[in-house]
Amino acid sequence: MKKFTLLSLALMTSFGISSALAAEKWDMPMAYSATNFHSATGVEFAKCVTTGTGGEVEITTHPSGSLFKGADIKRAVQTGQVPIGERLLSGHQNENPLFGFDSVPFLATSFEDSAKLWEAAKAPLTKLLDEQNLVLLYSVPWPPQGLYFKKEVNSVADMEGLKFRSYNNATARLAELTGMRPVTVEAAEISQAFATGVAESMVSSGSTGYDRKVWESLTHFYDVNAWLPRNYVFANKDSWSGISDASKNVIRGCSELAEYAGNWRAVEYTQFTINGLAAGGMWTGAPGDTLKSELKEIGKTMSAEWLEAAGEQGKAIIDAFNAK
């Protein structure tokens, strides 16, 4: 993070630090724990903005769904209850299929491909958010998604009837296609859900499992690299319009730094958290050939369904991604 700090200082020097005549205090709700790398990146972003604008815009982060629950953050920002927030992008797929571009199974399964897919989708997503009174600031991927269970699983048949933690349309559909029962559980509630038996399995990154110490309830993590979902930080358009051009430039610069730092953290955190799951007592490894093959077929079904729902815009994103 030394590079992040040096770049932040350079940014502040470039724009200058002046006394703000009317300071804006922006509360920034975030869904994940304070120790999660997305939250840590958000804290650095907030400091960068606060210092870089000389206090004209002062951002305070609120992790773990403490200000608004994850599912409520986007609406809170849209309606001006708060001026800025962070949310899982695919959490809004029920509003518009484009929000689920990052959760098409086995389309982009590496950080390099995730970056290419984001580049292909950024312009249409920015336009869509603008129409919803939102300004896109930055986006950071999660590590690749794996499957968690409280038993050994060698085929889709072994998943039949399990209560599966769902966090977006893609995960709910994955549960249906594998015979599991989807249960909506926000990130902040994962530990309790597994401890009380509300959920017995999930698809998520090693990061989420490590942060929530799921080894206390679960036993197996299968590194299937299903997709790399993205979080994004966005501002209320009216709040954005109400700050100076100089502050907007600082926030844009801090957003670029945060996206760089967040991507770096995600890459570094991937193996660290999988090692952490193993250290906690979980079995970690790749799925067997049967399970891998069955999941690939399910992925084809889900990909076709997403393309049909997303229409020409979805096809344009996939075509642009494949052309890179």
Protein backbone atom coordinates (compact mmCIF):
# COMPACT_ATOMS: atom_id res chain seq x y z
CA MET A 1 0.00 0.00 0.00
CA LYS A 2 3.03 2.30 -0.02
CA LYS A 3 2.32 3.08 -3.67
CA PHE A 4 -1.28 3.97 -2.83
CA THR A 5 -0.12 6.40 -0.12
CA LEU A 6 2.46 8.07 -2.36
CA LEU A 7 -0.05 8.45 -5.17
CA SER A 8 -2.57 9.93 -2.74
CA LEU A 9 -0.03 12.50 -1.57
CA ALA A 10 0.79 13.39 -5.15
CA LEU A 11 -2.89 13.82 -5.91
CA MET A 12 -3.37 16.13 -2.94
CA THR A 13 -0.37 18.21 -3.92
CA SER A 14 -1.63 18.46 -7.49
CA PHE A 15 -5.03 19.81 -6.56
CA GLY A 16 -3.96 21.73 -3.49
CA ILE A 17 -5.46 21.66 -0.01
CA SER A 18 -7.61 24.67 0.78
CA SER A 19 -10.03 25.62 3.51
CA ALA A 20 -13.57 24.72 2.52
CA LEU A 21 -16.19 27.44 2.90
CA ALA A 22 -19.05 24.98 3.30
CA ALA A 23 -17.88 21.48 4.21
CA GLU A 24 -19.96 18.55 2.98
CA LYS A 25 -20.10 15.60 5.38
CA TRP A 26 -20.79 12.45 3.41
CA ASP A 27 -21.72 9.24 5.23
CA MET A 28 -20.79 6.17 3.20
CA PRO A 29 -22.65 2.93 4.10
CA MET A 30 -20.85 -0.32 3.24
CA ALA A 31 -22.20 -3.86 3.56
CA TYR A 32 -19.06 -5.78 4.54
CA SER A 33 -17.05 -6.03 7.75
CA ALA A 34 -14.47 -3.40 8.64
CA THR A 35 -11.69 -5.96 8.15
CA ASN A 36 -12.79 -6.87 4.61
CA PHE A 37 -10.50 -5.54 1.89
CA HIS A 38 -13.35 -3.68 0.18
CA SER A 39 -14.03 -1.82 3.42
CA ALA A 40 -10.32 -1.14 3.94
CA THR A 41 -10.12 0.28 0.41
CA GLY A 42 -13.16 2.42 1.14
CA VAL A 43 -11.51 3.86 4.24
CA GLU A 44 -8.42 4.84 2.24
CA PHE A 45 -10.65 6.36 -0.45
CA ALA A 46 -12.51 8.38 2.18
CA LYS A 47 -9.26 9.68 3.67
CA CYS A 48 -7.97 10.57 0.21
CA VAL A 49 -11.11 12.58 -0.57
CA THR A 50 -11.30 14.27 2.82
CA THR A 51 -7.66 15.33 2.76
CA GLY A 52 -7.51 16.06 -0.97
CA THR A 53 -10.50 18.41 -0.86
CA GLY A 54 -9.18 20.18 2.22
CA GLY A 55 -12.29 19.06 4.07
CA GLU A 56 -14.74 20.42 1.49
CA VAL A 57 -16.01 16.85 1.23
CA GLU A 58 -15.51 14.78 4.36
CA ILE A 59 -16.38 11.09 3.93
CA THR A 60 -17.03 8.76 6.88
CA THR A 61 -17.42 5.03 6.15
CA HIS A 62 -19.93 2.79 7.97
CA PRO A 63 -19.07 -0.92 7.41
CA SER A 64 -20.96 -4.12 8.26
CA GLY A 65 -24.35 -2.76 7.21
CA SER A 66 -24.33 -0.60 10.34
CA LEU A 67 -25.98 2.41 8.67
CA PHE A 68 -28.03 0.64 5.99
CA LYS A 69 -28.22 -3.07 5.24
CA GLY A 70 -26.58 -4.11 2.00
CA ALA A 71 -29.86 -4.51 0.13
CA ASP A 72 -30.95 -0.99 1.13
CA ILE A 73 -27.77 0.94 0.27
CA LYS A 74 -28.44 1.68 -3.39
CA ARG A 75 -31.96 2.98 -2.70
CA ALA A 76 -30.64 5.13 0.15
CA VAL A 77 -28.14 6.78 -2.19
CA GLN A 78 -30.65 7.16 -5.04
CA THR A 79 -33.15 8.92 -2.79
CA GLY A 80 -30.56 11.17 -1.14
CA GLN A 81 -30.73 9.65 2.34
CA VAL A 82 -26.94 9.40 2.04
CA PRO A 83 -24.75 10.94 -0.69
CA ILE A 84 -22.46 7.95 -1.35
CA GLY A 85 -22.32 4.19 -0.78
CA GLU A 86 -20.90 0.83 -1.79
CA ARG A 87 -22.86 -2.21 -2.90
CA LEU A 88 -22.47 -5.52 -4.71
CA LEU A 89 -23.21 -4.71 -8.35
CA SER A 90 -25.08 -7.92 -9.13
CA GLY A 91 -27.34 -7.32 -6.14
CA HIS A 92 -29.48 -5.23 -8.52
CA GLN A 93 -29.86 -7.78 -11.29
CA ASN A 94 -33.59 -8.01 -10.58
CA GLU A 95 -33.82 -4.33 -11.65
CA ASN A 96 -31.90 -4.80 -14.89
CA PRO A 97 -30.04 -7.87 -16.22
CA LEU A 98 -27.02 -5.69 -17.07
CA PHE A 99 -26.19 -5.49 -13.38
CA GLY A 100 -25.45 -9.22 -13.50
CA PHE A 101 -22.83 -9.12 -16.26
CA ASP A 102 -20.11 -10.06 -13.74
CA SER A 103 -21.95 -13.16 -12.51
CA VAL A 104 -22.24 -15.08 -15.77
CA PRO A 105 -20.72 -18.44 -14.72
CA PHE A 106 -17.31 -19.33 -16.12
CA LEU A 107 -17.19 -16.31 -18.46
CA ALA A 108 -14.45 -14.36 -16.67
CA THR A 109 -12.67 -16.60 -14.18
CA SER A 110 -9.40 -14.70 -13.64
CA PHE A 111 -8.50 -11.18 -12.54
CA GLU A 112 -7.21 -10.41 -16.03
CA ASP A 113 -10.48 -11.48 -17.65
CA SER A 114 -12.49 -9.70 -14.96
CA ALA A 115 -10.71 -6.45 -15.84
CA LYS A 116 -11.46 -6.97 -19.55
CA LEU A 117 -15.11 -7.68 -18.80
CA TRP A 118 -15.37 -4.56 -16.65
CA GLU A 119 -13.84 -2.49 -19.44
CA ALA A 120 -16.47 -3.86 -21.83
CA ALA A 121 -19.35 -3.20 -19.43
CA LYS A 122 -18.32 0.10 -17.83
CA ALA A 123 -19.84 2.49 -20.39
CA PRO A 124 -23.34 0.93 -20.49
CA LEU A 125 -23.32 0.53 -16.70
CA THR A 126 -22.32 4.17 -16.22
CA LYS A 127 -25.19 5.25 -18.48
CA LEU A 128 -27.66 3.00 -16.67
CA LEU A 129 -26.63 4.36 -13.27
CA ASP A 130 -26.82 7.94 -14.55
CA GLU A 131 -30.45 7.30 -15.50
CA GLN A 132 -31.02 6.19 -11.89
CA ASN A 133 -29.65 9.43 -10.39
CA LEU A 134 -26.29 7.85 -9.58
CA VAL A 135 -22.67 8.63 -10.46
CA LEU A 136 -20.30 5.65 -10.80
CA LEU A 137 -17.00 6.31 -9.01
CA TYR A 138 -15.06 3.02 -8.92
CA SER A 139 -15.42 -0.74 -8.91
CA VAL A 140 -13.33 -3.53 -7.38
CA PRO A 141 -13.70 -7.29 -7.97
CA TRP A 142 -13.96 -10.01 -5.39
CA PRO A 143 -11.65 -13.02 -5.60
CA PRO A 144 -12.99 -15.95 -7.67
CA GLN A 145 -16.09 -17.61 -6.25
CA GLY A 146 -15.93 -21.08 -4.72
CA LEU A 147 -18.48 -23.43 -3.18
CA TYR A 148 -18.76 -23.96 0.60
CA PHE A 149 -20.41 -26.95 2.25
CA LYS A 150 -20.60 -28.68 5.60
CA LYS A 151 -19.89 -32.05 3.99
CA GLU A 152 -17.93 -33.58 1.12
CA VAL A 153 -19.60 -32.98 -2.26
CA ASN A 154 -18.59 -34.94 -5.35
CA SER A 155 -21.54 -34.29 -7.66
CA VAL A 156 -24.56 -32.07 -8.06
CA ALA A 157 -26.68 -34.91 -6.65
CA ASP A 158 -24.86 -34.45 -3.33
CA MET A 159 -26.26 -30.89 -3.12
CA GLU A 160 -29.91 -31.93 -3.28
CA GLY A 161 -32.03 -30.19 -0.62
CA LEU A 162 -29.24 -28.14 0.98
CA LYS A 163 -30.12 -24.64 2.21
CA PHE A 164 -28.00 -22.37 0.05
CA ARG A 165 -27.12 -18.78 0.93
CA SER A 166 -28.16 -16.56 -1.98
CA TYR A 167 -27.01 -12.97 -2.58
CA ASN A 168 -28.21 -12.22 -6.13
CA ASN A 169 -30.22 -13.64 -9.02
CA ALA A 170 -27.31 -15.75 -10.25
CA THR A 171 -26.80 -17.50 -6.91
CA ALA A 172 -30.52 -18.13 -6.52
CA ARG A 173 -30.63 -19.66 -10.00
CA LEU A 174 -27.54 -21.75 -9.27
CA ALA A 175 -29.34 -23.15 -6.23
CA GLU A 176 -32.40 -24.03 -8.29
CA LEU A 177 -30.39 -25.78 -11.00
CA THR A 178 -28.47 -27.86 -8.46
CA GLY A 179 -31.51 -28.85 -6.41
CA MET A 180 -30.61 -26.67 -3.43
CA ARG A 181 -32.95 -24.28 -1.63
CA PRO A 182 -31.94 -20.59 -1.91
CA VAL A 183 -32.06 -18.50 1.25
CA THR A 184 -31.30 -14.77 1.04
CA VAL A 185 -28.63 -13.87 3.58
CA GLU A 186 -26.69 -10.59 3.67
CA ALA A 187 -22.93 -10.73 4.20
CA ALA A 188 -23.14 -9.29 7.71
CA GLU A 189 -25.47 -12.16 8.73
CA ILE A 190 -23.49 -15.08 7.29
CA SER A 191 -21.90 -16.32 10.52
CA GLN A 192 -25.20 -16.41 12.37
CA ALA A 193 -27.01 -18.03 9.44
CA PHE A 194 -24.56 -20.94 9.32
CA ALA A 195 -24.35 -21.27 13.09
CA THR A 196 -28.14 -21.54 13.42
CA GLY A 197 -28.69 -23.75 10.37
CA VAL A 198 -30.55 -21.11 8.35
CA ALA A 199 -28.01 -21.86 5.60
CA GLU A 200 -25.75 -24.87 5.00
CA SER A 201 -23.82 -23.89 1.89
CA MET A 202 -22.93 -20.94 -0.34
CA VAL A 203 -20.93 -19.77 -3.33
CA SER A 204 -18.59 -16.97 -2.35
CA SER A 205 -14.95 -15.94 -2.31
CA GLY A 206 -12.35 -17.17 0.14
CA SER A 207 -12.38 -13.60 1.42
CA THR A 208 -15.98 -13.73 2.67
CA GLY A 209 -15.49 -17.12 4.27
CA TYR A 210 -12.28 -16.03 5.96
CA ASP A 211 -13.74 -12.75 7.23
CA ARG A 212 -16.74 -14.56 8.71
CA LYS A 213 -14.79 -17.55 10.09
CA VAL A 214 -17.13 -20.01 8.40
CA TRP A 215 -14.90 -22.93 9.41
CA GLU A 216 -16.76 -22.76 12.71
CA SER A 217 -19.81 -24.21 10.87
CA LEU A 218 -18.66 -25.48 7.46
CA THR A 219 -16.08 -28.07 6.46
CA HIS A 220 -15.33 -27.91 2.69
CA PHE A 221 -14.35 -25.20 0.20
CA TYR A 222 -14.25 -26.11 -3.51
CA ASP A 223 -12.23 -23.64 -5.57
CA VAL A 224 -14.42 -23.68 -8.72
CA ASN A 225 -13.56 -20.14 -9.97
CA ALA A 226 -17.17 -19.61 -11.01
CA TRP A 227 -16.98 -15.83 -11.50
CA LEU A 228 -15.55 -12.66 -9.96
CA PRO A 229 -18.41 -10.43 -8.80
CA ARG A 230 -17.75 -6.73 -8.33
CA ASN A 231 -18.53 -4.15 -5.70
CA TYR A 232 -18.95 -0.56 -6.81
CA VAL A 233 -18.93 2.84 -5.14
CA PHE A 234 -21.41 5.41 -6.38
CA ALA A 235 -22.68 8.87 -5.46
CA ASN A 236 -26.06 10.56 -5.53
CA LYS A 237 -26.12 12.75 -8.67
CA ASP A 238 -27.66 15.72 -6.86
CA SER A 239 -25.00 15.57 -4.13
CA TRP A 240 -22.35 15.27 -6.83
CA SER A 241 -23.70 18.35 -8.61
CA GLY A 242 -23.56 20.32 -5.37
CA ILE A 243 -19.78 20.18 -4.91
CA SER A 244 -17.10 22.21 -6.65
CA ASP A 245 -15.37 21.10 -9.84
CA ALA A 246 -12.09 20.96 -7.89
CA SER A 247 -13.60 18.50 -5.40
CA LYS A 248 -15.05 16.42 -8.24
CA ASN A 249 -11.58 16.16 -9.75
CA VAL A 250 -10.13 15.06 -6.42
CA ILE A 251 -12.83 12.42 -6.02
CA ARG A 252 -12.22 11.14 -9.54
CA GLY A 253 -8.50 10.89 -8.81
CA CYS A 254 -9.10 9.15 -5.49
CA SER A 255 -11.49 6.77 -7.26
CA GLU A 256 -8.77 5.75 -9.72
CA LEU A 257 -6.40 5.13 -6.84
CA ALA A 258 -9.02 3.14 -4.94
CA GLU A 259 -9.77 0.95 -7.96
CA TYR A 260 -6.06 0.26 -8.40
CA ALA A 261 -5.53 -0.46 -4.71
CA GLY A 262 -8.68 -2.57 -4.43
CA ASN A 263 -7.68 -4.74 -7.37
CA TRP A 264 -4.24 -5.20 -5.87
CA ARG A 265 -5.76 -6.16 -2.53
CA ALA A 266 -8.14 -8.64 -4.17
CA VAL A 267 -5.29 -10.43 -5.92
CA GLU A 268 -3.12 -10.54 -2.81
CA TYR A 269 -6.02 -11.59 -0.59
CA THR A 270 -7.09 -14.56 -2.72
CA GLN A 271 -4.51 -17.16 -1.68
CA PHE A 272 -4.11 -15.64 1.77
CA THR A 273 -7.76 -16.24 2.60
CA ILE A 274 -7.82 -19.76 1.16
CA ASN A 275 -4.80 -20.53 3.34
CA GLY A 276 -6.73 -19.02 6.23
CA LEU A 277 -9.70 -21.31 5.61
CA ALA A 278 -7.35 -24.31 5.66
CA ALA A 279 -5.70 -23.07 8.83
CA GLY A 280 -9.15 -22.86 10.39
CA GLY A 281 -9.65 -26.56 9.69
CA MET A 282 -11.52 -26.56 6.36
CA TRP A 283 -10.72 -28.84 3.45
CA THR A 284 -9.81 -26.67 0.47
CA GLY A 285 -9.15 -27.74 -3.10
CA ALA A 286 -10.44 -28.14 -6.65
CA PRO A 287 -13.68 -29.99 -7.39
CA GLY A 288 -13.56 -33.50 -8.80
CA ASP A 289 -14.03 -34.11 -12.51
CA THR A 290 -17.70 -35.09 -12.18
CA LEU A 291 -18.67 -32.00 -10.19
CA LYS A 292 -16.60 -29.75 -12.45
CA SER A 293 -18.27 -31.13 -15.58
CA GLU A 294 -21.77 -30.81 -14.13
CA LEU A 295 -21.14 -27.22 -13.03
CA LYS A 296 -19.89 -26.32 -16.51
CA GLU A 297 -23.17 -27.54 -18.01
CA ILE A 298 -25.14 -25.51 -15.49
CA GLY A 299 -22.96 -22.53 -16.38
CA LYS A 300 -23.91 -22.88 -20.06
CA THR A 301 -27.59 -22.82 -19.12
CA MET A 302 -27.20 -19.74 -16.94
CA SER A 303 -25.11 -17.93 -19.57
CA ALA A 304 -27.77 -18.51 -22.22
CA GLU A 305 -30.48 -17.31 -19.85
CA TRP A 306 -28.57 -14.12 -19.02
CA LEU A 307 -27.93 -13.33 -22.67
CA GLU A 308 -31.60 -13.77 -23.47
CA ALA A 309 -32.62 -11.47 -20.60
CA ALA A 310 -29.95 -8.83 -21.29
CA GLY A 311 -30.71 -8.65 -25.01
CA GLU A 312 -28.62 -6.62 -27.42
CA GLN A 313 -26.83 -4.71 -24.64
CA GLY A 314 -25.73 -7.93 -22.99
CA LYS A 315 -24.60 -9.37 -26.30
CA ALA A 316 -22.61 -6.19 -27.00
CA ILE A 317 -20.79 -6.57 -23.66
CA ILE A 318 -19.93 -10.21 -24.31
CA ASP A 319 -18.83 -9.45 -27.88
CA ALA A 320 -16.62 -6.58 -26.70
CA PHE A 321 -15.15 -8.82 -23.99
CA ASN A 322 -14.40 -11.62 -26.45
CA ALA A 323 -12.77 -9.16 -28.84
CA LYS A 324 -10.24 -7.95 -26.23
